[in-house]
């Protein structure tokens, strides 16, 4: 999994890539909830280079990228 933007606040260090173990049938929304990330914080999910809904069922070996809105000034 790759994390970009403010969602990185929910991870223990500043890496951009993490491994995530999931249960069969788990969706991106389920993963966000399990990680304690507010779904509304993630504006876009990209799976293996293509935009995907948060209802996407995770599969082994996929690269999931979480994108959050840009903020600051």
PDB file of N, CA and C in Angstrom:
ATOM      1  N   UNK A   1       0.845  -1.155   0.000  1.00  0.00           N
ATOM      2  CA  UNK A   1       0.000   0.000   0.000  1.00  0.00           C
ATOM      3  C   UNK A   1       0.898   1.228   0.000  1.00  0.00           C
ATOM      4  N   UNK A   2       0.501   2.209  -0.741  1.00  0.00           N
ATOM      5  CA  UNK A   2       1.207   3.490  -0.757  1.00  0.00           C
ATOM      6  C   UNK A   2       0.286   4.543  -0.161  1.00  0.00           C
ATOM      7  N   UNK A   3       0.870   5.415   0.618  1.00  0.00           N
ATOM      8  CA  UNK A   3       0.085   6.447   1.284  1.00  0.00           C
ATOM      9  C   UNK A   3       0.649   7.810   0.916  1.00  0.00           C
ATOM     10  N   UNK A   4      -0.220   8.683   0.438  1.00  0.00           N
ATOM     11  CA  UNK A   4       0.193  10.031   0.066  1.00  0.00           C
ATOM     12  C   UNK A   4      -0.654  11.033   0.834  1.00  0.00           C
ATOM     13  N   UNK A   5      -0.060  12.135   1.254  1.00  0.00           N
ATOM     14  CA  UNK A   5      -0.814  13.205   1.897  1.00  0.00           C
ATOM     15  C   UNK A   5      -1.051  12.966   3.376  1.00  0.00           C
ATOM     16  N   UNK A   6      -2.141  13.537   3.876  1.00  0.00           N
ATOM     17  CA  UNK A   6      -2.424  13.548   5.307  1.00  0.00           C
ATOM     18  C   UNK A   6      -2.730  12.179   5.898  1.00  0.00           C
ATOM     19  N   UNK A   7      -3.094  11.209   5.091  1.00  0.00           N
ATOM     20  CA  UNK A   7      -3.369   9.869   5.621  1.00  0.00           C
ATOM     21  C   UNK A   7      -2.119   9.292   6.282  1.00  0.00           C
ATOM     22  N   UNK A   8      -0.947   9.799   5.942  1.00  0.00           N
ATOM     23  CA  UNK A   8       0.299   9.319   6.553  1.00  0.00           C
ATOM     24  C   UNK A   8       0.312   9.550   8.058  1.00  0.00           C
ATOM     25  N   UNK A   9      -0.494  10.498   8.536  1.00  0.00           N
ATOM     26  CA  UNK A   9      -0.573  10.771   9.973  1.00  0.00           C
ATOM     27  C   UNK A   9      -1.027   9.544  10.757  1.00  0.00           C
ATOM     28  N   UNK A  10      -1.721   8.620  10.106  1.00  0.00           N
ATOM     29  CA  UNK A  10      -2.269   7.449  10.784  1.00  0.00           C
ATOM     30  C   UNK A  10      -1.292   6.283  10.824  1.00  0.00           C
ATOM     31  N   UNK A  11      -0.094   6.477  10.314  1.00  0.00           N
ATOM     32  CA  UNK A  11       0.901   5.411  10.284  1.00  0.00           C
ATOM     33  C   UNK A  11       2.054   5.763  11.219  1.00  0.00           C
ATOM     34  N   UNK A  12       2.726   4.758  11.767  1.00  0.00           N
ATOM     35  CA  UNK A  12       3.696   4.995  12.841  1.00  0.00           C
ATOM     36  C   UNK A  12       4.986   5.704  12.434  1.00  0.00           C
ATOM     37  N   UNK A  13       5.285   5.793  11.172  1.00  0.00           N
ATOM     38  CA  UNK A  13       6.494   6.496  10.750  1.00  0.00           C
ATOM     39  C   UNK A  13       6.210   7.193   9.427  1.00  0.00           C
ATOM     40  N   UNK A  14       7.202   7.788   8.840  1.00  0.00           N
ATOM     41  CA  UNK A  14       6.981   8.604   7.649  1.00  0.00           C
ATOM     42  C   UNK A  14       7.226   7.880   6.324  1.00  0.00           C
ATOM     43  N   UNK A  15       7.250   6.547   6.366  1.00  0.00           N
ATOM     44  CA  UNK A  15       7.388   5.816   5.110  1.00  0.00           C
ATOM     45  C   UNK A  15       6.170   6.070   4.234  1.00  0.00           C
ATOM     46  N   UNK A  16       6.330   5.870   2.955  1.00  0.00           N
ATOM     47  CA  UNK A  16       5.206   6.011   2.035  1.00  0.00           C
ATOM     48  C   UNK A  16       4.643   4.666   1.610  1.00  0.00           C
ATOM     49  N   UNK A  17       5.334   3.572   1.930  1.00  0.00           N
ATOM     50  CA  UNK A  17       4.860   2.251   1.522  1.00  0.00           C
ATOM     51  C   UNK A  17       4.774   1.329   2.724  1.00  0.00           C
ATOM     52  N   UNK A  18       3.671   0.579   2.780  1.00  0.00           N
ATOM     53  CA  UNK A  18       3.400  -0.325   3.891  1.00  0.00           C
ATOM     54  C   UNK A  18       2.830  -1.619   3.347  1.00  0.00           C
ATOM     55  N   UNK A  19       3.064  -2.706   4.062  1.00  0.00           N
ATOM     56  CA  UNK A  19       2.392  -3.967   3.783  1.00  0.00           C
ATOM     57  C   UNK A  19       1.149  -4.004   4.661  1.00  0.00           C
ATOM     58  N   UNK A  20       0.086  -4.564   4.137  1.00  0.00           N
ATOM     59  CA  UNK A  20      -1.160  -4.662   4.896  1.00  0.00           C
ATOM     60  C   UNK A  20      -1.734  -6.049   4.691  1.00  0.00           C
ATOM     61  N   UNK A  21      -1.973  -6.764   5.769  1.00  0.00           N
ATOM     62  CA  UNK A  21      -2.586  -8.092   5.689  1.00  0.00           C
ATOM     63  C   UNK A  21      -4.082  -7.931   5.875  1.00  0.00           C
ATOM     64  N   UNK A  22      -4.862  -8.565   5.020  1.00  0.00           N
ATOM     65  CA  UNK A  22      -6.307  -8.392   5.053  1.00  0.00           C
ATOM     66  C   UNK A  22      -6.995  -9.742   4.986  1.00  0.00           C
ATOM     67  N   UNK A  23      -8.252  -9.731   5.383  1.00  0.00           N
ATOM     68  CA  UNK A  23      -9.073 -10.933   5.337  1.00  0.00           C
ATOM     69  C   UNK A  23      -9.747 -11.041   3.979  1.00  0.00           C
ATOM     70  N   UNK A  24     -10.076 -12.262   3.583  1.00  0.00           N
ATOM     71  CA  UNK A  24     -10.760 -12.478   2.321  1.00  0.00           C
ATOM     72  C   UNK A  24     -12.068 -11.681   2.306  1.00  0.00           C
ATOM     73  N   UNK A  25     -12.306 -10.985   1.213  1.00  0.00           N
ATOM     74  CA  UNK A  25     -13.532 -10.210   1.055  1.00  0.00           C
ATOM     75  C   UNK A  25     -13.457  -8.797   1.610  1.00  0.00           C
ATOM     76  N   UNK A  26     -12.334  -8.436   2.228  1.00  0.00           N
ATOM     77  CA  UNK A  26     -12.206  -7.103   2.810  1.00  0.00           C
ATOM     78  C   UNK A  26     -12.100  -6.055   1.705  1.00  0.00           C
ATOM     79  N   UNK A  27     -12.791  -4.935   1.903  1.00  0.00           N
ATOM     80  CA  UNK A  27     -12.787  -3.845   0.932  1.00  0.00           C
ATOM     81  C   UNK A  27     -11.816  -2.751   1.373  1.00  0.00           C
ATOM     82  N   UNK A  28     -11.593  -1.799   0.482  1.00  0.00           N
ATOM     83  CA  UNK A  28     -10.775  -0.641   0.840  1.00  0.00           C
ATOM     84  C   UNK A  28     -11.405   0.080   2.028  1.00  0.00           C
ATOM     85  N   UNK A  29     -12.730   0.249   2.039  1.00  0.00           N
ATOM     86  CA  UNK A  29     -13.409   0.892   3.176  1.00  0.00           C
ATOM     87  C   UNK A  29     -13.153   0.142   4.473  1.00  0.00           C
ATOM     88  N   UNK A  30     -13.202  -1.188   4.416  1.00  0.00           N
ATOM     89  CA  UNK A  30     -12.913  -2.007   5.596  1.00  0.00           C
ATOM     90  C   UNK A  30     -11.487  -1.768   6.076  1.00  0.00           C
ATOM     91  N   UNK A  31     -10.551  -1.688   5.134  1.00  0.00           N
ATOM     92  CA  UNK A  31      -9.155  -1.460   5.471  1.00  0.00           C
ATOM     93  C   UNK A  31      -8.988  -0.109   6.149  1.00  0.00           C
ATOM     94  N   UNK A  32      -9.624   0.927   5.603  1.00  0.00           N
ATOM     95  CA  UNK A  32      -9.520   2.256   6.196  1.00  0.00           C
ATOM     96  C   UNK A  32     -10.035   2.234   7.632  1.00  0.00           C
ATOM     97  N   UNK A  33     -11.177   1.592   7.853  1.00  0.00           N
ATOM     98  CA  UNK A  33     -11.747   1.507   9.197  1.00  0.00           C
ATOM     99  C   UNK A  33     -10.808   0.760  10.143  1.00  0.00           C
ATOM    100  N   UNK A  34     -10.229  -0.340   9.677  1.00  0.00           N
ATOM    101  CA  UNK A  34      -9.317  -1.133  10.504  1.00  0.00           C
ATOM    102  C   UNK A  34      -8.073  -0.341  10.881  1.00  0.00           C
ATOM    103  N   UNK A  35      -7.650   0.557   9.986  1.00  0.00           N
ATOM    104  CA  UNK A  35      -6.465   1.371  10.238  1.00  0.00           C
ATOM    105  C   UNK A  35      -6.784   2.647  11.005  1.00  0.00           C
ATOM    106  N   UNK A  36      -8.070   2.924  11.227  1.00  0.00           N
ATOM    107  CA  UNK A  36      -8.464   4.136  11.938  1.00  0.00           C
ATOM    108  C   UNK A  36      -8.399   5.382  11.093  1.00  0.00           C
ATOM    109  N   UNK A  37      -8.504   5.211   9.777  1.00  0.00           N
ATOM    110  CA  UNK A  37      -8.466   6.354   8.858  1.00  0.00           C
ATOM    111  C   UNK A  37      -9.889   6.712   8.474  1.00  0.00           C
ATOM    112  N   UNK A  38     -10.277   7.961   8.693  1.00  0.00           N
ATOM    113  CA  UNK A  38     -11.614   8.410   8.323  1.00  0.00           C
ATOM    114  C   UNK A  38     -11.765   8.321   6.816  1.00  0.00           C
ATOM    115  N   UNK A  39     -12.807   7.647   6.373  1.00  0.00           N
ATOM    116  CA  UNK A  39     -13.028   7.441   4.939  1.00  0.00           C
ATOM    117  C   UNK A  39     -13.083   8.760   4.181  1.00  0.00           C
ATOM    118  N   UNK A  40     -13.688   9.788   4.786  1.00  0.00           N
ATOM    119  CA  UNK A  40     -13.803  11.075   4.098  1.00  0.00           C
ATOM    120  C   UNK A  40     -12.464  11.778   3.922  1.00  0.00           C
ATOM    121  N   UNK A  41     -11.445  11.333   4.652  1.00  0.00           N
ATOM    122  CA  UNK A  41     -10.107  11.902   4.493  1.00  0.00           C
ATOM    123  C   UNK A  41      -9.470  11.461   3.176  1.00  0.00           C
ATOM    124  N   UNK A  42      -9.840  10.290   2.692  1.00  0.00           N
ATOM    125  CA  UNK A  42      -9.253   9.745   1.460  1.00  0.00           C
ATOM    126  C   UNK A  42     -10.129  10.161   0.280  1.00  0.00           C
ATOM    127  N   UNK A  43      -9.583  11.048  -0.571  1.00  0.00           N
ATOM    128  CA  UNK A  43     -10.383  11.546  -1.690  1.00  0.00           C
ATOM    129  C   UNK A  43     -10.319  10.620  -2.898  1.00  0.00           C
ATOM    130  N   UNK A  44      -9.268   9.826  -3.009  1.00  0.00           N
ATOM    131  CA  UNK A  44      -9.145   8.935  -4.159  1.00  0.00           C
ATOM    132  C   UNK A  44      -8.357   7.702  -3.773  1.00  0.00           C
ATOM    133  N   UNK A  45      -8.801   6.575  -4.315  1.00  0.00           N
ATOM    134  CA  UNK A  45      -8.108   5.303  -4.145  1.00  0.00           C
ATOM    135  C   UNK A  45      -7.668   4.853  -5.533  1.00  0.00           C
ATOM    136  N   UNK A  46      -6.425   4.470  -5.651  1.00  0.00           N
ATOM    137  CA  UNK A  46      -5.895   3.957  -6.909  1.00  0.00           C
ATOM    138  C   UNK A  46      -5.384   2.548  -6.639  1.00  0.00           C
ATOM    139  N   UNK A  47      -5.837   1.590  -7.445  1.00  0.00           N
ATOM    140  CA  UNK A  47      -5.418   0.205  -7.295  1.00  0.00           C
ATOM    141  C   UNK A  47      -4.716  -0.218  -8.582  1.00  0.00           C
ATOM    142  N   UNK A  48      -3.449  -0.573  -8.445  1.00  0.00           N
ATOM    143  CA  UNK A  48      -2.635  -0.976  -9.598  1.00  0.00           C
ATOM    144  C   UNK A  48      -2.731   0.036 -10.742  1.00  0.00           C
ATOM    145  N   UNK A  49      -2.716   1.324 -10.393  1.00  0.00           N
ATOM    146  CA  UNK A  49      -2.675   2.382 -11.396  1.00  0.00           C
ATOM    147  C   UNK A  49      -4.014   2.859 -11.913  1.00  0.00           C
ATOM    148  N   UNK A  50      -5.117   2.271 -11.462  1.00  0.00           N
ATOM    149  CA  UNK A  50      -6.447   2.673 -11.930  1.00  0.00           C
ATOM    150  C   UNK A  50      -7.296   3.129 -10.743  1.00  0.00           C
ATOM    151  N   UNK A  51      -8.058   4.191 -10.948  1.00  0.00           N
ATOM    152  CA  UNK A  51      -8.947   4.680  -9.898  1.00  0.00           C
ATOM    153  C   UNK A  51      -9.950   3.585  -9.543  1.00  0.00           C
ATOM    154  N   UNK A  52     -10.176   3.396  -8.243  1.00  0.00           N
ATOM    155  CA  UNK A  52     -11.079   2.347  -7.764  1.00  0.00           C
ATOM    156  C   UNK A  52     -11.988   2.919  -6.684  1.00  0.00           C
ATOM    157  N   UNK A  53     -13.182   2.372  -6.536  1.00  0.00           N
ATOM    158  CA  UNK A  53     -14.071   2.822  -5.459  1.00  0.00           C
ATOM    159  C   UNK A  53     -13.605   2.253  -4.123  1.00  0.00           C
ATOM    160  N   UNK A  54     -14.066   2.851  -3.051  1.00  0.00           N
ATOM    161  CA  UNK A  54     -13.719   2.345  -1.723  1.00  0.00           C
ATOM    162  C   UNK A  54     -14.372   0.994  -1.457  1.00  0.00           C
ATOM    163  N   UNK A  55     -15.315   0.601  -2.302  1.00  0.00           N
ATOM    164  CA  UNK A  55     -15.961  -0.710  -2.182  1.00  0.00           C
ATOM    165  C   UNK A  55     -15.147  -1.816  -2.862  1.00  0.00           C
ATOM    166  N   UNK A  56     -14.015  -1.458  -3.465  1.00  0.00           N
ATOM    167  CA  UNK A  56     -13.151  -2.425  -4.149  1.00  0.00           C
ATOM    168  C   UNK A  56     -12.707  -3.514  -3.165  1.00  0.00           C
ATOM    169  N   UNK A  57     -12.864  -4.772  -3.550  1.00  0.00           N
ATOM    170  CA  UNK A  57     -12.429  -5.905  -2.726  1.00  0.00           C
ATOM    171  C   UNK A  57     -10.936  -6.118  -2.950  1.00  0.00           C
ATOM    172  N   UNK A  58     -10.184  -6.106  -1.859  1.00  0.00           N
ATOM    173  CA  UNK A  58      -8.725  -6.243  -1.930  1.00  0.00           C
ATOM    174  C   UNK A  58      -8.321  -7.641  -2.370  1.00  0.00           C
ATOM    175  N   UNK A  59      -7.251  -7.697  -3.178  1.00  0.00           N
ATOM    176  CA  UNK A  59      -6.700  -8.971  -3.628  1.00  0.00           C
ATOM    177  C   UNK A  59      -5.190  -8.964  -3.373  1.00  0.00           C
ATOM    178  N   UNK A  60      -4.655 -10.118  -3.105  1.00  0.00           N
ATOM    179  CA  UNK A  60      -3.240 -10.256  -2.806  1.00  0.00           C
ATOM    180  C   UNK A  60      -2.390  -9.726  -3.950  1.00  0.00           C
ATOM    181  N   UNK A  61      -1.368  -8.973  -3.607  1.00  0.00           N
ATOM    182  CA  UNK A  61      -0.413  -8.483  -4.591  1.00  0.00           C
ATOM    183  C   UNK A  61      -0.757  -7.141  -5.203  1.00  0.00           C
ATOM    184  N   UNK A  62      -1.953  -6.613  -4.922  1.00  0.00           N
ATOM    185  CA  UNK A  62      -2.322  -5.313  -5.482  1.00  0.00           C
ATOM    186  C   UNK A  62      -1.553  -4.193  -4.784  1.00  0.00           C
ATOM    187  N   UNK A  63      -1.315  -3.124  -5.528  1.00  0.00           N
ATOM    188  CA  UNK A  63      -0.735  -1.925  -4.951  1.00  0.00           C
ATOM    189  C   UNK A  63      -1.874  -0.923  -4.815  1.00  0.00           C
ATOM    190  N   UNK A  64      -2.193  -0.573  -3.576  1.00  0.00           N
ATOM    191  CA  UNK A  64      -3.274   0.363  -3.284  1.00  0.00           C
ATOM    192  C   UNK A  64      -2.644   1.681  -2.870  1.00  0.00           C
ATOM    193  N   UNK A  65      -3.026   2.758  -3.535  1.00  0.00           N
ATOM    194  CA  UNK A  65      -2.530   4.087  -3.210  1.00  0.00           C
ATOM    195  C   UNK A  65      -3.677   4.907  -2.651  1.00  0.00           C
ATOM    196  N   UNK A  66      -3.455   5.504  -1.476  1.00  0.00           N
ATOM    197  CA  UNK A  66      -4.452   6.369  -0.845  1.00  0.00           C
ATOM    198  C   UNK A  66      -4.029   7.821  -1.048  1.00  0.00           C
ATOM    199  N   UNK A  67      -4.916   8.607  -1.627  1.00  0.00           N
ATOM    200  CA  UNK A  67      -4.620  10.021  -1.877  1.00  0.00           C
ATOM    201  C   UNK A  67      -5.559  10.885  -1.063  1.00  0.00           C
ATOM    202  N   UNK A  68      -4.999  11.915  -0.427  1.00  0.00           N
ATOM    203  CA  UNK A  68      -5.810  12.836   0.362  1.00  0.00           C
ATOM    204  C   UNK A  68      -5.738  14.220  -0.276  1.00  0.00           C
ATOM    205  N   UNK A  69      -6.712  15.086   0.048  1.00  0.00           N
ATOM    206  CA  UNK A  69      -6.680  16.436  -0.517  1.00  0.00           C
ATOM    207  C   UNK A  69      -5.423  17.175  -0.092  1.00  0.00           C
ATOM    208  N   UNK A  70      -4.948  18.029  -0.962  1.00  0.00           N
ATOM    209  CA  UNK A  70      -3.799  18.884  -0.652  1.00  0.00           C
ATOM    210  C   UNK A  70      -4.314  20.039   0.188  1.00  0.00           C
ATOM    211  N   UNK A  71      -3.577  20.380   1.230  1.00  0.00           N
ATOM    212  CA  UNK A  71      -3.968  21.526   2.043  1.00  0.00           C
ATOM    213  C   UNK A  71      -2.728  22.312   2.428  1.00  0.00           C
ATOM    214  N   UNK A  72      -2.949  23.423   3.004  1.00  0.00           N
ATOM    215  CA  UNK A  72      -1.830  24.271   3.403  1.00  0.00           C
ATOM    216  C   UNK A  72      -1.786  25.521   2.552  1.00  0.00           C
ATOM    217  N   UNK A  73      -0.758  26.277   2.732  1.00  0.00           N
ATOM    218  CA  UNK A  73      -0.732  27.521   1.956  1.00  0.00           C
ATOM    219  C   UNK A  73       0.631  28.036   1.722  1.00  0.00           C
TER     220      UNK A  73
END
